[in-house]
PDB file of N, CA and C in Angstrom:
ATOM      1  N   PRO A   1     151.331 196.699 168.540  1.00  0.00           N
ATOM      2  CA  PRO A   1     151.830 197.209 167.261  1.00  0.00           C
ATOM      3  C   PRO A   1     151.567 198.705 167.128  1.00  0.00           C
ATOM      4  N   PRO A   2     152.380 199.382 166.373  1.00  0.00           N
ATOM      5  CA  PRO A   2     152.168 200.822 166.157  1.00  0.00           C
ATOM      6  C   PRO A   2     150.814 201.085 165.492  1.00  0.00           C
ATOM      7  N   PRO A   3     150.210 202.234 165.781  1.00  0.00           N
ATOM      8  CA  PRO A   3     148.896 202.564 165.210  1.00  0.00           C
ATOM      9  C   PRO A   3     148.867 202.516 163.686  1.00  0.00           C
ATOM     10  N   GLN A   4     149.953 202.945 163.021  1.00  0.00           N
ATOM     11  CA  GLN A   4     149.949 202.933 161.560  1.00  0.00           C
ATOM     12  C   GLN A   4     149.910 201.494 161.020  1.00  0.00           C
ATOM     13  N   THR A   5     150.496 200.552 161.750  1.00  0.00           N
ATOM     14  CA  THR A   5     150.430 199.144 161.339  1.00  0.00           C
ATOM     15  C   THR A   5     149.004 198.634 161.424  1.00  0.00           C
ATOM     16  N   LEU A   6     148.329 198.951 162.509  1.00  0.00           N
ATOM     17  CA  LEU A   6     146.936 198.521 162.670  1.00  0.00           C
ATOM     18  C   LEU A   6     146.045 199.147 161.603  1.00  0.00           C
ATOM     19  N   ARG A   7     146.267 200.429 161.302  1.00  0.00           N
ATOM     20  CA  ARG A   7     145.480 201.086 160.249  1.00  0.00           C
ATOM     21  C   ARG A   7     145.695 200.393 158.904  1.00  0.00           C
ATOM     22  N   PHE A   8     146.962 200.082 158.615  1.00  0.00           N
ATOM     23  CA  PHE A   8     147.269 199.398 157.358  1.00  0.00           C
ATOM     24  C   PHE A   8     146.561 198.047 157.284  1.00  0.00           C
ATOM     25  N   LEU A   9     146.665 197.257 158.335  1.00  0.00           N
ATOM     26  CA  LEU A   9     146.054 195.924 158.332  1.00  0.00           C
ATOM     27  C   LEU A   9     144.538 196.008 158.205  1.00  0.00           C
ATOM     28  N   ARG A  10     143.934 196.980 158.861  1.00  0.00           N
ATOM     29  CA  ARG A  10     142.476 197.127 158.780  1.00  0.00           C
ATOM     30  C   ARG A  10     142.028 197.579 157.391  1.00  0.00           C
ATOM     31  N   SER A  11     142.912 198.230 156.659  1.00  0.00           N
ATOM     32  CA  SER A  11     142.539 198.700 155.322  1.00  0.00           C
ATOM     33  C   SER A  11     142.802 197.647 154.239  1.00  0.00           C
ATOM     34  N   CYS A  12     143.454 196.559 154.594  1.00  0.00           N
ATOM     35  CA  CYS A  12     143.801 195.527 153.614  1.00  0.00           C
ATOM     36  C   CYS A  12     142.598 194.676 153.241  1.00  0.00           C
ATOM     37  N   ARG A  13     142.625 194.237 152.016  1.00  0.00           N
ATOM     38  CA  ARG A  13     141.646 193.251 151.541  1.00  0.00           C
ATOM     39  C   ARG A  13     142.459 192.010 151.210  1.00  0.00           C
ATOM     40  N   LEU A  14     142.251 190.978 151.974  1.00  0.00           N
ATOM     41  CA  LEU A  14     143.021 189.750 151.830  1.00  0.00           C
ATOM     42  C   LEU A  14     142.156 188.682 151.177  1.00  0.00           C
ATOM     43  N   GLU A  15     142.630 188.145 150.074  1.00  0.00           N
ATOM     44  CA  GLU A  15     141.908 187.063 149.408  1.00  0.00           C
ATOM     45  C   GLU A  15     142.586 185.744 149.743  1.00  0.00           C
ATOM     46  N   VAL A  16     141.773 184.805 150.195  1.00  0.00           N
ATOM     47  CA  VAL A  16     142.263 183.474 150.537  1.00  0.00           C
ATOM     48  C   VAL A  16     141.568 182.491 149.605  1.00  0.00           C
ATOM     49  N   GLY A  17     142.335 181.867 148.744  1.00  0.00           N
ATOM     50  CA  GLY A  17     141.758 180.901 147.809  1.00  0.00           C
ATOM     51  C   GLY A  17     141.564 179.551 148.470  1.00  0.00           C
ATOM     52  N   MET A  18     140.343 179.049 148.423  1.00  0.00           N
ATOM     53  CA  MET A  18     140.037 177.734 148.984  1.00  0.00           C
ATOM     54  C   MET A  18     139.373 176.908 147.887  1.00  0.00           C
ATOM     55  N   LYS A  19     139.675 175.633 147.864  1.00  0.00           N
ATOM     56  CA  LYS A  19     139.095 174.750 146.842  1.00  0.00           C
ATOM     57  C   LYS A  19     137.612 174.549 147.104  1.00  0.00           C
ATOM     58  N   ASN A  20     136.864 174.373 146.033  1.00  0.00           N
ATOM     59  CA  ASN A  20     135.428 174.179 146.208  1.00  0.00           C
ATOM     60  C   ASN A  20     135.027 172.708 146.151  1.00  0.00           C
ATOM     61  N   ASN A  21     135.983 171.815 145.917  1.00  0.00           N
ATOM     62  CA  ASN A  21     135.641 170.398 145.831  1.00  0.00           C
ATOM     63  C   ASN A  21     136.038 169.603 147.077  1.00  0.00           C
ATOM     64  N   VAL A  22     136.494 170.290 148.116  1.00  0.00           N
ATOM     65  CA  VAL A  22     136.824 169.637 149.383  1.00  0.00           C
ATOM     66  C   VAL A  22     136.218 170.444 150.524  1.00  0.00           C
ATOM     67  N   LYS A  23     135.952 169.764 151.640  1.00  0.00           N
ATOM     68  CA  LYS A  23     135.412 170.456 152.810  1.00  0.00           C
ATOM     69  C   LYS A  23     136.563 171.192 153.501  1.00  0.00           C
ATOM     70  N   TRP A  24     136.332 172.437 153.890  1.00  0.00           N
ATOM     71  CA  TRP A  24     137.377 173.219 154.541  1.00  0.00           C
ATOM     72  C   TRP A  24     136.762 174.170 155.551  1.00  0.00           C
ATOM     73  N   GLU A  25     137.603 174.636 156.469  1.00  0.00           N
ATOM     74  CA  GLU A  25     137.207 175.671 157.431  1.00  0.00           C
ATOM     75  C   GLU A  25     138.383 176.627 157.581  1.00  0.00           C
ATOM     76  N   LEU A  26     138.118 177.895 157.349  1.00  0.00           N
ATOM     77  CA  LEU A  26     139.159 178.911 157.453  1.00  0.00           C
ATOM     78  C   LEU A  26     139.537 179.086 158.921  1.00  0.00           C
ATOM     79  N   ASN A  27     140.846 179.120 159.198  1.00  0.00           N
ATOM     80  CA  ASN A  27     141.296 179.328 160.574  1.00  0.00           C
ATOM     81  C   ASN A  27     142.389 180.393 160.602  1.00  0.00           C
ATOM     82  N   SER A  28     142.800 180.762 161.788  1.00  0.00           N
ATOM     83  CA  SER A  28     143.757 181.864 161.932  1.00  0.00           C
ATOM     84  C   SER A  28     145.118 181.533 161.322  1.00  0.00           C
ATOM     85  N   GLU A  29     145.519 180.259 161.322  1.00  0.00           N
ATOM     86  CA  GLU A  29     146.794 179.888 160.716  1.00  0.00           C
ATOM     87  C   GLU A  29     146.776 180.122 159.204  1.00  0.00           C
ATOM     88  N   ILE A  30     145.669 179.771 158.569  1.00  0.00           N
ATOM     89  CA  ILE A  30     145.544 179.983 157.121  1.00  0.00           C
ATOM     90  C   ILE A  30     145.553 181.474 156.806  1.00  0.00           C
ATOM     91  N   VAL A  31     144.816 182.262 157.584  1.00  0.00           N
ATOM     92  CA  VAL A  31     144.768 183.712 157.360  1.00  0.00           C
ATOM     93  C   VAL A  31     146.156 184.319 157.545  1.00  0.00           C
ATOM     94  N   ALA A  32     146.860 183.932 158.612  1.00  0.00           N
ATOM     95  CA  ALA A  32     148.196 184.466 158.866  1.00  0.00           C
ATOM     96  C   ALA A  32     149.150 184.115 157.723  1.00  0.00           C
ATOM     97  N   ARG A  33     149.063 182.890 157.224  1.00  0.00           N
ATOM     98  CA  ARG A  33     149.924 182.461 156.116  1.00  0.00           C
ATOM     99  C   ARG A  33     149.648 183.286 154.859  1.00  0.00           C
ATOM    100  N   HIS A  34     148.378 183.600 154.604  1.00  0.00           N
ATOM    101  CA  HIS A  34     148.036 184.396 153.423  1.00  0.00           C
ATOM    102  C   HIS A  34     148.422 185.865 153.585  1.00  0.00           C
ATOM    103  N   PHE A  35     148.409 186.385 154.812  1.00  0.00           N
ATOM    104  CA  PHE A  35     148.927 187.744 155.027  1.00  0.00           C
ATOM    105  C   PHE A  35     150.383 187.804 154.573  1.00  0.00           C
ATOM    106  N   LEU A  36     151.168 186.813 154.963  1.00  0.00           N
ATOM    107  CA  LEU A  36     152.578 186.803 154.593  1.00  0.00           C
ATOM    108  C   LEU A  36     152.751 186.568 153.092  1.00  0.00           C
ATOM    109  N   LYS A  37     152.023 185.616 152.553  1.00  0.00           N
ATOM    110  CA  LYS A  37     152.150 185.256 151.135  1.00  0.00           C
ATOM    111  C   LYS A  37     151.670 186.370 150.208  1.00  0.00           C
ATOM    112  N   ASN A  38     150.510 186.954 150.491  1.00  0.00           N
ATOM    113  CA  ASN A  38     149.888 187.917 149.574  1.00  0.00           C
ATOM    114  C   ASN A  38     150.265 189.366 149.851  1.00  0.00           C
ATOM    115  N   LEU A  39     150.445 189.718 151.126  1.00  0.00           N
ATOM    116  CA  LEU A  39     150.706 191.119 151.470  1.00  0.00           C
ATOM    117  C   LEU A  39     152.114 191.352 152.013  1.00  0.00           C
ATOM    118  N   ARG A  40     152.873 190.270 152.184  1.00  0.00           N
ATOM    119  CA  ARG A  40     154.233 190.332 152.731  1.00  0.00           C
ATOM    120  C   ARG A  40     154.264 190.983 154.114  1.00  0.00           C
ATOM    121  N   VAL A  41     153.268 190.621 154.916  1.00  0.00           N
ATOM    122  CA  VAL A  41     153.179 191.132 156.286  1.00  0.00           C
ATOM    123  C   VAL A  41     153.072 189.937 157.219  1.00  0.00           C
ATOM    124  N   PHE A  42     153.972 189.855 158.202  1.00  0.00           N
ATOM    125  CA  PHE A  42     153.889 188.767 159.175  1.00  0.00           C
ATOM    126  C   PHE A  42     152.864 189.126 160.238  1.00  0.00           C
ATOM    127  N   VAL A  43     151.869 188.278 160.381  1.00  0.00           N
ATOM    128  CA  VAL A  43     150.851 188.422 161.422  1.00  0.00           C
ATOM    129  C   VAL A  43     150.804 187.086 162.153  1.00  0.00           C
ATOM    130  N   PRO A  44     151.134 187.060 163.449  1.00  0.00           N
ATOM    131  CA  PRO A  44     151.078 185.784 164.163  1.00  0.00           C
ATOM    132  C   PRO A  44     149.641 185.267 164.233  1.00  0.00           C
ATOM    133  N   PRO A  45     149.453 183.963 164.077  1.00  0.00           N
ATOM    134  CA  PRO A  45     148.093 183.406 164.089  1.00  0.00           C
ATOM    135  C   PRO A  45     147.279 183.786 165.323  1.00  0.00           C
ATOM    136  N   HIS A  46     147.931 183.881 166.475  1.00  0.00           N
ATOM    137  CA  HIS A  46     147.176 184.208 167.695  1.00  0.00           C
ATOM    138  C   HIS A  46     146.655 185.646 167.682  1.00  0.00           C
ATOM    139  N   ALA A  47     147.172 186.472 166.770  1.00  0.00           N
ATOM    140  CA  ALA A  47     146.727 187.865 166.691  1.00  0.00           C
ATOM    141  C   ALA A  47     145.522 188.043 165.768  1.00  0.00           C
ATOM    142  N   VAL A  48     145.148 186.989 165.042  1.00  0.00           N
ATOM    143  CA  VAL A  48     144.013 187.058 164.119  1.00  0.00           C
ATOM    144  C   VAL A  48     142.750 186.645 164.856  1.00  0.00           C
ATOM    145  N   LYS A  49     141.768 187.522 164.851  1.00  0.00           N
ATOM    146  CA  LYS A  49     140.490 187.213 165.492  1.00  0.00           C
ATOM    147  C   LYS A  49     139.432 187.050 164.403  1.00  0.00           C
ATOM    148  N   LEU A  50     138.981 185.814 164.224  1.00  0.00           N
ATOM    149  CA  LEU A  50     137.965 185.506 163.221  1.00  0.00           C
ATOM    150  C   LEU A  50     136.583 185.548 163.859  1.00  0.00           C
ATOM    151  N   PRO A  51     135.536 185.643 163.052  1.00  0.00           N
ATOM    152  CA  PRO A  51     134.181 185.597 163.608  1.00  0.00           C
ATOM    153  C   PRO A  51     133.960 184.282 164.364  1.00  0.00           C
ATOM    154  N   GLU A  52     133.066 184.301 165.343  1.00  0.00           N
ATOM    155  CA  GLU A  52     132.815 183.092 166.131  1.00  0.00           C
ATOM    156  C   GLU A  52     132.228 181.971 165.289  1.00  0.00           C
ATOM    157  N   GLU A  53     131.377 182.323 164.338  1.00  0.00           N
ATOM    158  CA  GLU A  53     130.794 181.305 163.469  1.00  0.00           C
ATOM    159  C   GLU A  53     131.860 180.822 162.486  1.00  0.00           C
ATOM    160  N   PRO A  54     132.048 179.500 162.352  1.00  0.00           N
ATOM    161  CA  PRO A  54     133.074 178.980 161.441  1.00  0.00           C
ATOM    162  C   PRO A  54     132.865 179.472 160.007  1.00  0.00           C
ATOM    163  N   ILE A  55     133.962 179.758 159.339  1.00  0.00           N
ATOM    164  CA  ILE A  55     133.915 180.182 157.943  1.00  0.00           C
ATOM    165  C   ILE A  55     134.180 178.951 157.091  1.00  0.00           C
ATOM    166  N   THR A  56     133.137 178.474 156.426  1.00  0.00           N
ATOM    167  CA  THR A  56     133.246 177.256 155.623  1.00  0.00           C
ATOM    168  C   THR A  56     132.765 177.469 154.191  1.00  0.00           C
ATOM    169  N   ARG A  57     132.390 178.698 153.872  1.00  0.00           N
ATOM    170  CA  ARG A  57     131.884 178.997 152.529  1.00  0.00           C
ATOM    171  C   ARG A  57     132.585 180.230 151.988  1.00  0.00           C
ATOM    172  N   TRP A  58     132.593 180.336 150.671  1.00  0.00           N
ATOM    173  CA  TRP A  58     133.150 181.529 150.045  1.00  0.00           C
ATOM    174  C   TRP A  58     132.304 182.732 150.418  1.00  0.00           C
ATOM    175  N   GLY A  59     132.938 183.887 150.507  1.00  0.00           N
ATOM    176  CA  GLY A  59     132.220 185.113 150.806  1.00  0.00           C
ATOM    177  C   GLY A  59     133.178 186.160 151.334  1.00  0.00           C
ATOM    178  N   GLU A  60     132.619 187.255 151.786  1.00  0.00           N
ATOM    179  CA  GLU A  60     133.420 188.327 152.362  1.00  0.00           C
ATOM    180  C   GLU A  60     133.198 188.335 153.858  1.00  0.00           C
ATOM    181  N   TYR A  61     134.297 188.361 154.604  1.00  0.00           N
ATOM    182  CA  TYR A  61     134.248 188.317 156.060  1.00  0.00           C
ATOM    183  C   TYR A  61     135.204 189.362 156.612  1.00  0.00           C
ATOM    184  N   TRP A  62     134.951 189.770 157.830  1.00  0.00           N
ATOM    185  CA  TRP A  62     135.796 190.738 158.513  1.00  0.00           C
ATOM    186  C   TRP A  62     136.511 190.035 159.653  1.00  0.00           C
ATOM    187  N   CYS A  63     137.805 190.311 159.826  1.00  0.00           N
ATOM    188  CA  CYS A  63     138.524 189.791 160.991  1.00  0.00           C
ATOM    189  C   CYS A  63     139.337 190.922 161.591  1.00  0.00           C
ATOM    190  N   ASP A  64     139.575 190.828 162.882  1.00  0.00           N
ATOM    191  CA  ASP A  64     140.388 191.821 163.598  1.00  0.00           C
ATOM    192  C   ASP A  64     141.788 191.281 163.802  1.00  0.00           C
TER     193      ASP A  64
END
C-alpha cells in the first residue's frame, strides 16, 4: 500500500463494540469488518496483525 495509506491507518482509532454478557475473542476478521463499517476503509483480514496474546477483554490495544 502507498505510504500515505499506512500513515492514515496507523493514525486511526478504531472502536470495536463487543458484548459484555457473552464470551468473545477479537480476531482479524472482526477488526477488518469494523475498519470498513466505521472508517469506510477496506482492510483485508490477512493484513491485520493483532497481538499474540488473545484479546478477550475490553481495553486499548495496538495492531499493525
